Amino acid sequence: MLLSGPVCHKARPIRLPDTLRRGADMLPFVPLQPNRHAMPDILLSVDNLHKSFGARQAVTAVSFDLSKGQTLGLLGPNGAGKSTTVSMVCGLLKPDQGEVRVGGQLVGQGNNTAKQMMGLVPQDLALYEDLSARENLKIFGALYGLKGAQLKSRCAQVLDLVQLTDRLADKPTTFSGGMKRRLNIAAALMHNPQLLILDEPTVGIDPQSRNAIFDSLEALKRQGCSLIYTSHYMEEVERLADHIVIIDHGQVIANESPAALYERLPARAALRLTPTQRLPDATLQQLRQQPGVSEVTVEGEDLLIALDSAEQAQDVLVWLTQQGCRAAQFFTARTSLEAIFLTLTGRSLRDA
């Protein structure tokens, strides 16, 4: 695999109360070990990877699986071990212990069958700036043995997928950042891989280009391609991933579906309202004892009420009205993936 490419009720996001975002200590987690023998559709198997650089242990006992047609979101703070893990998955870095298999084939150093099944979209662009888009793709396709009519046809297919057909004769020097990212993805798809690995493919591009990339990836999902998607943009992972792995301090701390992750927080929804007058302390205390209310926080003139589920917001509003509390405005929201991520990994800044 080549490193270059192949290789007023209104819903809105709401910041959950500090006590719900602070502590991984309030959410003790023991990773569940899936029964791999009971999962016949596994395309990628990552088993007990370890990697150290001198005295620094970068990755410890990382294991996860990816099923055929599945999209896995790989998350972690800076320096958590994501890049090291991706490098070992791609065969660019040899693990000290453990193994990676794609389609049952062992991924090793050099060229092998397993690597032929993968395409890599690196974070750093890997294009020949002085060649046209089509010539770039021809080079990558030829390196995988494509030629003649097959090479020409595949170039046309991937250019259409990434919406660059009208720019096939133009050089990347004339492209925007988003267009270069899309051409990078096209290069990784030339050999029609079963698994596409994308390392932060939307860094530094505009919203229109991001949506164009999402459209292309969703089309690939419909075609049955499996994806590994790493990003610091949680909303991207929420949109694309049907399974999420979170790595922190070199270890897997979450390995489950988005729905299962949302179950991690004691509050899974929030209600923010602005009362027309300040509530007495006694009323606030009674509010905290209402069914489904896990916490009440006063933020300036607003009340932020953490709920077990969004459906309980109506009951809370009715109860407040019965207490003589009128809301000038209110908003509801579901727990976000970002809130879960910060709860599991903490809020401290990390340096890579």
Foldseek 3Di string as FASTA:
>chain_A
DDVAFLQLEDADDDDADCVLQFACVVQDFDEDDDDPVVQVQWFKWWFQFWAADVPATQAGGATDTFGWLFEEEEEEAPSLNPVVVSCQQLQVDPTPDTFMGGNNHTRHHDDDDRNLQGGEQEQDHRFDQVAFLLVRLLVLLVVVPDDDPLSVVLSCVLCVLLVNPVRRRPGCVPPDPLVSLSSSNSSSCSSPHLEYEYEASCPPDDPVSVVSVVSSVVVVSVVRRYYYYYHPDQVVCVVGHQWYWYGGNNYTRDTGGPVVLCQSGQFFKKKKFQWPDDDDPVVLVVLCVDPQWPDWDDDPRMIITGGNDPVCPVVSQVVCVVVVTDTPGMYMYTDGPVSSNCNNHPDDHDDD
